[in-house]
Amino acid sequence: ENLHSADLEELGGLEFPQINYSQYNGKKYRFFYGCG
C-alpha cells in the first residue's frame, strides 16, 4: 500500500524517514517524518 498522497510525487518522494522512535518503534503508530 502506498503511504502517501499524490502530493508527495510533486516533492520528489521521501527519504531519511524518522518516527517517535523511543515510544513507537516496533509498535503501531500514525506519523512519520522525512526529507522530500
PDB file of all heavy atoms in Angstrom:
ATOM      1  N   GLU A   1       0.862  -1.181   0.000  1.00  0.00           N
ATOM      2  CA  GLU A   1       0.000   0.000   0.000  1.00  0.00           C
ATOM      3  C   GLU A   1       0.896   1.228   0.000  1.00  0.00           C
ATOM      4  O   GLU A   1       1.896   1.287   0.738  1.00  0.00           O
ATOM      5  CB  GLU A   1      -0.868   0.023   1.261  1.00  0.00           C
ATOM      6  CG  GLU A   1      -1.673   1.313   1.420  1.00  0.00           C
ATOM      7  CD  GLU A   1      -2.233   1.512   2.815  1.00  0.00           C
ATOM      8  OE1 GLU A   1      -1.913   0.711   3.718  1.00  0.00           O
ATOM      9  OE2 GLU A   1      -2.993   2.486   3.009  1.00  0.00           O
ATOM     10  N   ASN A   2       0.576   2.228  -0.816  1.00  0.00           N
ATOM     11  CA  ASN A   2       1.295   3.489  -0.779  1.00  0.00           C
ATOM     12  C   ASN A   2       0.861   4.284   0.445  1.00  0.00           C
ATOM     13  O   ASN A   2      -0.342   4.453   0.686  1.00  0.00           O
ATOM     14  CB  ASN A   2       1.036   4.306  -2.039  1.00  0.00           C
ATOM     15  CG  ASN A   2       1.698   3.705  -3.259  1.00  0.00           C
ATOM     16  OD1 ASN A   2       2.762   3.095  -3.168  1.00  0.00           O
ATOM     17  ND2 ASN A   2       1.078   3.869  -4.415  1.00  0.00           N
ATOM     18  N   LEU A   3       1.838   4.767   1.211  1.00  0.00           N
ATOM     19  CA  LEU A   3       1.535   5.512   2.433  1.00  0.00           C
ATOM     20  C   LEU A   3       1.547   7.015   2.202  1.00  0.00           C
ATOM     21  O   LEU A   3       1.899   7.786   3.092  1.00  0.00           O
ATOM     22  CB  LEU A   3       2.548   5.147   3.523  1.00  0.00           C
ATOM     23  CG  LEU A   3       2.520   3.704   4.012  1.00  0.00           C
ATOM     24  CD1 LEU A   3       3.595   3.484   5.068  1.00  0.00           C
ATOM     25  CD2 LEU A   3       1.147   3.335   4.563  1.00  0.00           C
ATOM     26  N   HIS A   4       1.162   7.434   1.022  1.00  0.00           N
ATOM     27  CA  HIS A   4       1.240   8.855   0.696  1.00  0.00           C
ATOM     28  C   HIS A   4       0.160   9.207  -0.320  1.00  0.00           C
ATOM     29  O   HIS A   4      -0.414   8.333  -0.980  1.00  0.00           O
ATOM     30  CB  HIS A   4       2.611   9.194   0.116  1.00  0.00           C
ATOM     31  CG  HIS A   4       2.910   8.474  -1.173  1.00  0.00           C
ATOM     32  ND1 HIS A   4       2.591   8.989  -2.413  1.00  0.00           N
ATOM     33  CD2 HIS A   4       3.474   7.267  -1.415  1.00  0.00           C
ATOM     34  CE1 HIS A   4       2.946   8.137  -3.356  1.00  0.00           C
ATOM     35  NE2 HIS A   4       3.494   7.088  -2.785  1.00  0.00           N
ATOM     36  N   SER A   5      -0.075  10.499  -0.458  1.00  0.00           N
ATOM     37  CA  SER A   5      -0.988  11.016  -1.473  1.00  0.00           C
ATOM     38  C   SER A   5      -0.178  11.436  -2.696  1.00  0.00           C
ATOM     39  O   SER A   5       1.061  11.409  -2.693  1.00  0.00           O
ATOM     40  CB  SER A   5      -1.769  12.211  -0.927  1.00  0.00           C
ATOM     41  OG  SER A   5      -0.883  13.290  -0.647  1.00  0.00           O
ATOM     42  N   ALA A   6      -0.876  11.867  -3.724  1.00  0.00           N
ATOM     43  CA  ALA A   6      -0.210  12.300  -4.956  1.00  0.00           C
ATOM     44  C   ALA A   6       0.665  13.526  -4.728  1.00  0.00           C
ATOM     45  O   ALA A   6       1.589  13.790  -5.513  1.00  0.00           O
ATOM     46  CB  ALA A   6      -1.248  12.572  -6.037  1.00  0.00           C
ATOM     47  N   ASP A   7       0.389  14.274  -3.661  1.00  0.00           N
ATOM     48  CA  ASP A   7       1.166  15.489  -3.399  1.00  0.00           C
ATOM     49  C   ASP A   7       2.646  15.196  -3.189  1.00  0.00           C
ATOM     50  O   ASP A   7       3.503  16.025  -3.506  1.00  0.00           O
ATOM     51  CB  ASP A   7       0.618  16.210  -2.158  1.00  0.00           C
ATOM     52  CG  ASP A   7      -0.783  16.753  -2.371  1.00  0.00           C
ATOM     53  OD1 ASP A   7      -1.181  16.913  -3.538  1.00  0.00           O
ATOM     54  OD2 ASP A   7      -1.481  17.003  -1.365  1.00  0.00           O
ATOM     55  N   LEU A   8       2.956  14.016  -2.651  1.00  0.00           N
ATOM     56  CA  LEU A   8       4.354  13.695  -2.393  1.00  0.00           C
ATOM     57  C   LEU A   8       5.142  13.542  -3.690  1.00  0.00           C
ATOM     58  O   LEU A   8       6.344  13.824  -3.726  1.00  0.00           O
ATOM     59  CB  LEU A   8       4.459  12.406  -1.559  1.00  0.00           C
ATOM     60  CG  LEU A   8       5.867  11.978  -1.151  1.00  0.00           C
ATOM     61  CD1 LEU A   8       6.557  13.053  -0.317  1.00  0.00           C
ATOM     62  CD2 LEU A   8       5.842  10.664  -0.384  1.00  0.00           C
ATOM     63  N   GLU A   9       4.514  13.109  -4.748  1.00  0.00           N
ATOM     64  CA  GLU A   9       5.204  12.942  -6.020  1.00  0.00           C
ATOM     65  C   GLU A   9       5.725  14.277  -6.542  1.00  0.00           C
ATOM     66  O   GLU A   9       6.780  14.339  -7.174  1.00  0.00           O
ATOM     67  CB  GLU A   9       4.274  12.269  -7.027  1.00  0.00           C
ATOM     68  CG  GLU A   9       3.854  10.861  -6.577  1.00  0.00           C
ATOM     69  CD  GLU A   9       2.910  10.186  -7.554  1.00  0.00           C
ATOM     70  OE1 GLU A   9       2.840  10.646  -8.712  1.00  0.00           O
ATOM     71  OE2 GLU A   9       2.267   9.199  -7.150  1.00  0.00           O
ATOM     72  N   GLU A  10       5.004  15.359  -6.267  1.00  0.00           N
ATOM     73  CA  GLU A  10       5.450  16.681  -6.696  1.00  0.00           C
ATOM     74  C   GLU A  10       6.684  17.130  -5.918  1.00  0.00           C
ATOM     75  O   GLU A  10       7.457  17.968  -6.394  1.00  0.00           O
ATOM     76  CB  GLU A  10       4.326  17.691  -6.521  1.00  0.00           C
ATOM     77  CG  GLU A  10       3.090  17.400  -7.379  1.00  0.00           C
ATOM     78  CD  GLU A  10       1.983  18.411  -7.154  1.00  0.00           C
ATOM     79  OE1 GLU A  10       2.239  19.428  -6.443  1.00  0.00           O
ATOM     80  OE2 GLU A  10       0.878  18.198  -7.675  1.00  0.00           O
ATOM     81  N   LEU A  11       6.873  16.575  -4.704  1.00  0.00           N
ATOM     82  CA  LEU A  11       8.032  16.940  -3.885  1.00  0.00           C
ATOM     83  C   LEU A  11       9.219  16.011  -4.112  1.00  0.00           C
ATOM     84  O   LEU A  11      10.234  16.126  -3.437  1.00  0.00           O
ATOM     85  CB  LEU A  11       7.644  16.934  -2.400  1.00  0.00           C
ATOM     86  CG  LEU A  11       6.679  18.035  -1.970  1.00  0.00           C
ATOM     87  CD1 LEU A  11       6.243  17.825  -0.531  1.00  0.00           C
ATOM     88  CD2 LEU A  11       7.311  19.411  -2.130  1.00  0.00           C
ATOM     89  N   GLY A  12       9.097  15.072  -5.059  1.00  0.00           N
ATOM     90  CA  GLY A  12      10.227  14.213  -5.419  1.00  0.00           C
ATOM     91  C   GLY A  12      10.392  12.991  -4.550  1.00  0.00           C
ATOM     92  O   GLY A  12      11.477  12.407  -4.498  1.00  0.00           O
ATOM     93  N   GLY A  13       9.329  12.571  -3.841  1.00  0.00           N
ATOM     94  CA  GLY A  13       9.454  11.396  -2.983  1.00  0.00           C
ATOM     95  C   GLY A  13      10.008  11.744  -1.624  1.00  0.00           C
ATOM     96  O   GLY A  13      10.185  12.924  -1.270  1.00  0.00           O
ATOM     97  N   LEU A  14      10.318  10.714  -0.817  1.00  0.00           N
ATOM     98  CA  LEU A  14      10.736  10.917   0.570  1.00  0.00           C
ATOM     99  C   LEU A  14      11.806   9.908   0.960  1.00  0.00           C
ATOM    100  O   LEU A  14      11.722   8.727   0.614  1.00  0.00           O
ATOM    101  CB  LEU A  14       9.527  10.780   1.497  1.00  0.00           C
ATOM    102  CG  LEU A  14       9.737  10.937   3.006  1.00  0.00           C
ATOM    103  CD1 LEU A  14       8.516  11.588   3.652  1.00  0.00           C
ATOM    104  CD2 LEU A  14      10.001   9.595   3.684  1.00  0.00           C
ATOM    105  N   GLU A  15      12.808  10.396   1.655  1.00  0.00           N
ATOM    106  CA  GLU A  15      13.854   9.533   2.227  1.00  0.00           C
ATOM    107  C   GLU A  15      14.228  10.052   3.614  1.00  0.00           C
ATOM    108  O   GLU A  15      13.696  11.042   4.080  1.00  0.00           O
ATOM    109  CB  GLU A  15      15.086   9.485   1.317  1.00  0.00           C
ATOM    110  CG  GLU A  15      15.168   8.221   0.456  1.00  0.00           C
ATOM    111  CD  GLU A  15      15.388   6.948   1.274  1.00  0.00           C
ATOM    112  OE1 GLU A  15      15.522   7.038   2.513  1.00  0.00           O
ATOM    113  OE2 GLU A  15      15.419   5.868   0.681  1.00  0.00           O
ATOM    114  N   PHE A  16      15.183   9.362   4.242  1.00  0.00           N
ATOM    115  CA  PHE A  16      15.612   9.650   5.609  1.00  0.00           C
ATOM    116  C   PHE A  16      14.410   9.674   6.566  1.00  0.00           C
ATOM    117  O   PHE A  16      14.220  10.625   7.329  1.00  0.00           O
ATOM    118  CB  PHE A  16      16.370  10.977   5.697  1.00  0.00           C
ATOM    119  CG  PHE A  16      17.643  11.020   4.895  1.00  0.00           C
ATOM    120  CD1 PHE A  16      18.184  12.244   4.508  1.00  0.00           C
ATOM    121  CD2 PHE A  16      18.302   9.866   4.519  1.00  0.00           C
ATOM    122  CE1 PHE A  16      19.365  12.301   3.781  1.00  0.00           C
ATOM    123  CE2 PHE A  16      19.481   9.912   3.792  1.00  0.00           C
ATOM    124  CZ  PHE A  16      20.009  11.123   3.418  1.00  0.00           C
ATOM    125  N   PRO A  17      13.587   8.620   6.586  1.00  0.00           N
ATOM    126  CA  PRO A  17      12.400   8.630   7.439  1.00  0.00           C
ATOM    127  C   PRO A  17      12.741   8.509   8.915  1.00  0.00           C
ATOM    128  O   PRO A  17      13.701   7.837   9.293  1.00  0.00           O
ATOM    129  CB  PRO A  17      11.621   7.400   6.951  1.00  0.00           C
ATOM    130  CG  PRO A  17      12.698   6.458   6.482  1.00  0.00           C
ATOM    131  CD  PRO A  17      13.744   7.344   5.862  1.00  0.00           C
ATOM    132  N   GLN A  18      11.941   9.168   9.742  1.00  0.00           N
ATOM    133  CA  GLN A  18      12.095   9.095  11.193  1.00  0.00           C
ATOM    134  C   GLN A  18      10.717   9.040  11.841  1.00  0.00           C
ATOM    135  O   GLN A  18       9.739   9.551  11.285  1.00  0.00           O
ATOM    136  CB  GLN A  18      12.857  10.308  11.721  1.00  0.00           C
ATOM    137  CG  GLN A  18      14.346  10.281  11.448  1.00  0.00           C
ATOM    138  CD  GLN A  18      15.074   9.243  12.270  1.00  0.00           C
ATOM    139  OE1 GLN A  18      14.673   8.922  13.381  1.00  0.00           O
ATOM    140  NE2 GLN A  18      16.154   8.713  11.736  1.00  0.00           N
ATOM    141  N   ILE A  19      10.649   8.432  13.030  1.00  0.00           N
ATOM    142  CA  ILE A  19       9.418   8.371  13.816  1.00  0.00           C
ATOM    143  C   ILE A  19       9.730   8.785  15.252  1.00  0.00           C
ATOM    144  O   ILE A  19      10.874   9.108  15.583  1.00  0.00           O
ATOM    145  CB  ILE A  19       8.819   6.940  13.810  1.00  0.00           C
ATOM    146  CG1 ILE A  19       9.794   5.954  14.490  1.00  0.00           C
ATOM    147  CG2 ILE A  19       8.473   6.490  12.404  1.00  0.00           C
ATOM    148  CD1 ILE A  19       9.188   4.585  14.769  1.00  0.00           C
ATOM    149  N   ASN A  20       8.716   8.770  16.082  1.00  0.00           N
ATOM    150  CA  ASN A  20       8.900   8.907  17.532  1.00  0.00           C
ATOM    151  C   ASN A  20       9.458   7.573  18.017  1.00  0.00           C
ATOM    152  O   ASN A  20       8.734   6.723  18.528  1.00  0.00           O
ATOM    153  CB  ASN A  20       7.561   9.243  18.200  1.00  0.00           C
ATOM    154  CG  ASN A  20       7.685   9.464  19.696  1.00  0.00           C
ATOM    155  OD1 ASN A  20       8.668   9.086  20.325  1.00  0.00           O
ATOM    156  ND2 ASN A  20       6.657  10.070  20.273  1.00  0.00           N
ATOM    157  N   TYR A  21      10.772   7.372  17.832  1.00  0.00           N
ATOM    158  CA  TYR A  21      11.398   6.055  17.982  1.00  0.00           C
ATOM    159  C   TYR A  21      11.307   5.521  19.399  1.00  0.00           C
ATOM    160  O   TYR A  21      10.988   4.345  19.616  1.00  0.00           O
ATOM    161  CB  TYR A  21      12.856   6.132  17.533  1.00  0.00           C
ATOM    162  CG  TYR A  21      13.538   4.786  17.408  1.00  0.00           C
ATOM    163  CD1 TYR A  21      13.619   4.131  16.178  1.00  0.00           C
ATOM    164  CD2 TYR A  21      14.116   4.156  18.510  1.00  0.00           C
ATOM    165  CE1 TYR A  21      14.239   2.906  16.054  1.00  0.00           C
ATOM    166  CE2 TYR A  21      14.730   2.926  18.399  1.00  0.00           C
ATOM    167  CZ  TYR A  21      14.797   2.306  17.169  1.00  0.00           C
ATOM    168  OH  TYR A  21      15.413   1.071  17.050  1.00  0.00           O
ATOM    169  N   SER A  22      11.590   6.359  20.387  1.00  0.00           N
ATOM    170  CA  SER A  22      11.680   5.871  21.766  1.00  0.00           C
ATOM    171  C   SER A  22      10.354   5.326  22.276  1.00  0.00           C
ATOM    172  O   SER A  22      10.325   4.455  23.144  1.00  0.00           O
ATOM    173  CB  SER A  22      12.182   6.987  22.683  1.00  0.00           C
ATOM    174  OG  SER A  22      11.268   8.079  22.693  1.00  0.00           O
ATOM    175  N   GLN A  23       9.245   5.814  21.726  1.00  0.00           N
ATOM    176  CA  GLN A  23       7.938   5.405  22.233  1.00  0.00           C
ATOM    177  C   GLN A  23       7.151   4.524  21.267  1.00  0.00           C
ATOM    178  O   GLN A  23       6.247   3.803  21.693  1.00  0.00           O
ATOM    179  CB  GLN A  23       7.111   6.650  22.579  1.00  0.00           C
ATOM    180  CG  GLN A  23       7.738   7.493  23.685  1.00  0.00           C
ATOM    181  CD  GLN A  23       6.955   8.766  23.962  1.00  0.00           C
ATOM    182  OE1 GLN A  23       5.754   8.839  23.750  1.00  0.00           O
ATOM    183  NE2 GLN A  23       7.652   9.796  24.425  1.00  0.00           N
ATOM    184  N   TYR A  24       7.502   4.551  19.967  1.00  0.00           N
ATOM    185  CA  TYR A  24       6.664   3.845  18.990  1.00  0.00           C
ATOM    186  C   TYR A  24       7.422   2.882  18.093  1.00  0.00           C
ATOM    187  O   TYR A  24       6.808   2.253  17.232  1.00  0.00           O
ATOM    188  CB  TYR A  24       5.890   4.856  18.130  1.00  0.00           C
ATOM    189  CG  TYR A  24       4.755   5.501  18.893  1.00  0.00           C
ATOM    190  CD1 TYR A  24       4.974   6.648  19.653  1.00  0.00           C
ATOM    191  CD2 TYR A  24       3.474   4.952  18.883  1.00  0.00           C
ATOM    192  CE1 TYR A  24       3.941   7.236  20.380  1.00  0.00           C
ATOM    193  CE2 TYR A  24       2.439   5.528  19.597  1.00  0.00           C
ATOM    194  CZ  TYR A  24       2.680   6.669  20.344  1.00  0.00           C
ATOM    195  OH  TYR A  24       1.656   7.236  21.060  1.00  0.00           O
ATOM    196  N   ASN A  25       8.723   2.747  18.254  1.00  0.00           N
ATOM    197  CA  ASN A  25       9.419   1.772  17.428  1.00  0.00           C
ATOM    198  C   ASN A  25       8.926   0.363  17.750  1.00  0.00           C
ATOM    199  O   ASN A  25       8.846  -0.031  18.914  1.00  0.00           O
ATOM    200  CB  ASN A  25      10.932   1.840  17.651  1.00  0.00           C
ATOM    201  CG  ASN A  25      11.684   0.952  16.688  1.00  0.00           C
ATOM    202  OD1 ASN A  25      11.533   1.078  15.477  1.00  0.00           O
ATOM    203  ND2 ASN A  25      12.485   0.040  17.217  1.00  0.00           N
ATOM    204  N   GLY A  26       8.576  -0.409  16.719  1.00  0.00           N
ATOM    205  CA  GLY A  26       8.061  -1.759  16.918  1.00  0.00           C
ATOM    206  C   GLY A  26       6.603  -1.806  17.319  1.00  0.00           C
ATOM    207  O   GLY A  26       6.084  -2.883  17.623  1.00  0.00           O
ATOM    208  N   LYS A  27       5.936  -0.645  17.334  1.00  0.00           N
ATOM    209  CA  LYS A  27       4.530  -0.571  17.747  1.00  0.00           C
ATOM    210  C   LYS A  27       3.707   0.090  16.643  1.00  0.00           C
ATOM    211  O   LYS A  27       4.231   0.794  15.785  1.00  0.00           O
ATOM    212  CB  LYS A  27       4.400   0.237  19.040  1.00  0.00           C
ATOM    213  CG  LYS A  27       5.198  -0.324  20.206  1.00  0.00           C
ATOM    214  CD  LYS A  27       5.106   0.592  21.417  1.00  0.00           C
ATOM    215  CE  LYS A  27       5.950   0.068  22.569  1.00  0.00           C
ATOM    216  NZ  LYS A  27       5.909   0.985  23.739  1.00  0.00           N
ATOM    217  N   LYS A  28       2.405  -0.137  16.694  1.00  0.00           N
ATOM    218  CA  LYS A  28       1.512   0.531  15.761  1.00  0.00           C
ATOM    219  C   LYS A  28       1.604   2.034  15.990  1.00  0.00           C
ATOM    220  O   LYS A  28       1.581   2.505  17.125  1.00  0.00           O
ATOM    221  CB  LYS A  28       0.079   0.039  15.954  1.00  0.00           C
ATOM    222  CG  LYS A  28      -0.851   0.411  14.818  1.00  0.00           C
ATOM    223  CD  LYS A  28      -2.215  -0.258  14.987  1.00  0.00           C
ATOM    224  CE  LYS A  28      -3.140   0.058  13.826  1.00  0.00           C
ATOM    225  NZ  LYS A  28      -4.465  -0.597  13.981  1.00  0.00           N
ATOM    226  N   TYR A  29       1.694   2.798  14.919  1.00  0.00           N
ATOM    227  CA  TYR A  29       1.954   4.229  15.014  1.00  0.00           C
ATOM    228  C   TYR A  29       1.169   4.947  13.928  1.00  0.00           C
ATOM    229  O   TYR A  29       0.517   4.326  13.078  1.00  0.00           O
ATOM    230  CB  TYR A  29       3.452   4.502  14.874  1.00  0.00           C
ATOM    231  CG  TYR A  29       3.977   4.270  13.463  1.00  0.00           C
ATOM    232  CD1 TYR A  29       4.480   5.324  12.711  1.00  0.00           C
ATOM    233  CD2 TYR A  29       3.922   3.009  12.862  1.00  0.00           C
ATOM    234  CE1 TYR A  29       4.938   5.131  11.415  1.00  0.00           C
ATOM    235  CE2 TYR A  29       4.387   2.811  11.583  1.00  0.00           C
ATOM    236  CZ  TYR A  29       4.879   3.866  10.857  1.00  0.00           C
ATOM    237  OH  TYR A  29       5.320   3.681   9.568  1.00  0.00           O
ATOM    238  N   ARG A  30       1.264   6.280  13.914  1.00  0.00           N
ATOM    239  CA  ARG A  30       0.464   7.056  12.956  1.00  0.00           C
ATOM    240  C   ARG A  30       1.277   8.030  12.119  1.00  0.00           C
ATOM    241  O   ARG A  30       0.926   8.295  10.971  1.00  0.00           O
ATOM    242  CB  ARG A  30      -0.633   7.822  13.703  1.00  0.00           C
ATOM    243  CG  ARG A  30      -1.546   8.614  12.791  1.00  0.00           C
ATOM    244  CD  ARG A  30      -2.747   9.181  13.523  1.00  0.00           C
ATOM    245  NE  ARG A  30      -3.572   9.994  12.642  1.00  0.00           N
ATOM    246  CZ  ARG A  30      -4.724  10.549  12.994  1.00  0.00           C
ATOM    247  NH1 ARG A  30      -5.197  10.368  14.235  1.00  0.00           N
ATOM    248  NH2 ARG A  30      -5.423  11.278  12.134  1.00  0.00           N
ATOM    249  N   PHE A  31       2.369   8.570  12.661  1.00  0.00           N
ATOM    250  CA  PHE A  31       3.080   9.644  11.963  1.00  0.00           C
ATOM    251  C   PHE A  31       4.532   9.263  11.674  1.00  0.00           C
ATOM    252  O   PHE A  31       5.178   8.571  12.460  1.00  0.00           O
ATOM    253  CB  PHE A  31       3.086  10.926  12.818  1.00  0.00           C
ATOM    254  CG  PHE A  31       1.719  11.408  13.199  1.00  0.00           C
ATOM    255  CD1 PHE A  31       1.257  11.245  14.503  1.00  0.00           C
ATOM    256  CD2 PHE A  31       0.894  12.029  12.277  1.00  0.00           C
ATOM    257  CE1 PHE A  31       0.003  11.692  14.874  1.00  0.00           C
ATOM    258  CE2 PHE A  31      -0.369  12.478  12.638  1.00  0.00           C
ATOM    259  CZ  PHE A  31      -0.820  12.309  13.940  1.00  0.00           C
ATOM    260  N   PHE A  32       5.025   9.744  10.539  1.00  0.00           N
ATOM    261  CA  PHE A  32       6.459   9.681  10.294  1.00  0.00           C
ATOM    262  C   PHE A  32       6.893  10.942   9.561  1.00  0.00           C
ATOM    263  O   PHE A  32       6.081  11.685   9.006  1.00  0.00           O
ATOM    264  CB  PHE A  32       6.871   8.409   9.537  1.00  0.00           C
ATOM    265  CG  PHE A  32       6.395   8.317   8.116  1.00  0.00           C
ATOM    266  CD1 PHE A  32       7.177   8.751   7.061  1.00  0.00           C
ATOM    267  CD2 PHE A  32       5.157   7.763   7.822  1.00  0.00           C
ATOM    268  CE1 PHE A  32       6.749   8.658   5.753  1.00  0.00           C
ATOM    269  CE2 PHE A  32       4.705   7.648   6.523  1.00  0.00           C
ATOM    270  CZ  PHE A  32       5.502   8.099   5.478  1.00  0.00           C
ATOM    271  N   TYR A  33       8.210  11.179   9.570  1.00  0.00           N
ATOM    272  CA  TYR A  33       8.797  12.410   9.046  1.00  0.00           C
ATOM    273  C   TYR A  33       9.933  12.038   8.097  1.00  0.00           C
ATOM    274  O   TYR A  33      10.511  10.953   8.194  1.00  0.00           O
ATOM    275  CB  TYR A  33       9.332  13.273  10.196  1.00  0.00           C
ATOM    276  CG  TYR A  33       8.362  13.411  11.340  1.00  0.00           C
ATOM    277  CD1 TYR A  33       8.305  12.445  12.351  1.00  0.00           C
ATOM    278  CD2 TYR A  33       7.482  14.480  11.413  1.00  0.00           C
ATOM    279  CE1 TYR A  33       7.396  12.550  13.393  1.00  0.00           C
ATOM    280  CE2 TYR A  33       6.565  14.595  12.459  1.00  0.00           C
ATOM    281  CZ  TYR A  33       6.530  13.616  13.445  1.00  0.00           C
ATOM    282  OH  TYR A  33       5.626  13.719  14.461  1.00  0.00           O
ATOM    283  N   GLY A  34      10.273  12.943   7.178  1.00  0.00           N
ATOM    284  CA  GLY A  34      11.363  12.648   6.260  1.00  0.00           C
ATOM    285  C   GLY A  34      11.752  13.867   5.458  1.00  0.00           C
ATOM    286  O   GLY A  34      11.196  14.964   5.618  1.00  0.00           O
ATOM    287  N   CYS A  35      12.728  13.668   4.555  1.00  0.00           N
ATOM    288  CA  CYS A  35      13.161  14.708   3.627  1.00  0.00           C
ATOM    289  C   CYS A  35      12.508  14.473   2.272  1.00  0.00           C
ATOM    290  O   CYS A  35      12.533  13.356   1.752  1.00  0.00           O
ATOM    291  CB  CYS A  35      14.679  14.673   3.448  1.00  0.00           C
ATOM    292  SG  CYS A  35      15.609  15.443   4.784  1.00  0.00           S
ATOM    293  N   GLY A  36      11.950  15.541   1.711  1.00  0.00           N
ATOM    294  CA  GLY A  36      11.498  15.478   0.332  1.00  0.00           C
ATOM    295  C   GLY A  36      12.663  15.740  -0.597  1.00  0.00           C
ATOM    296  O   GLY A  36      13.427  16.688  -0.380  1.00  0.00           O
TER     297      GLY A  36
END
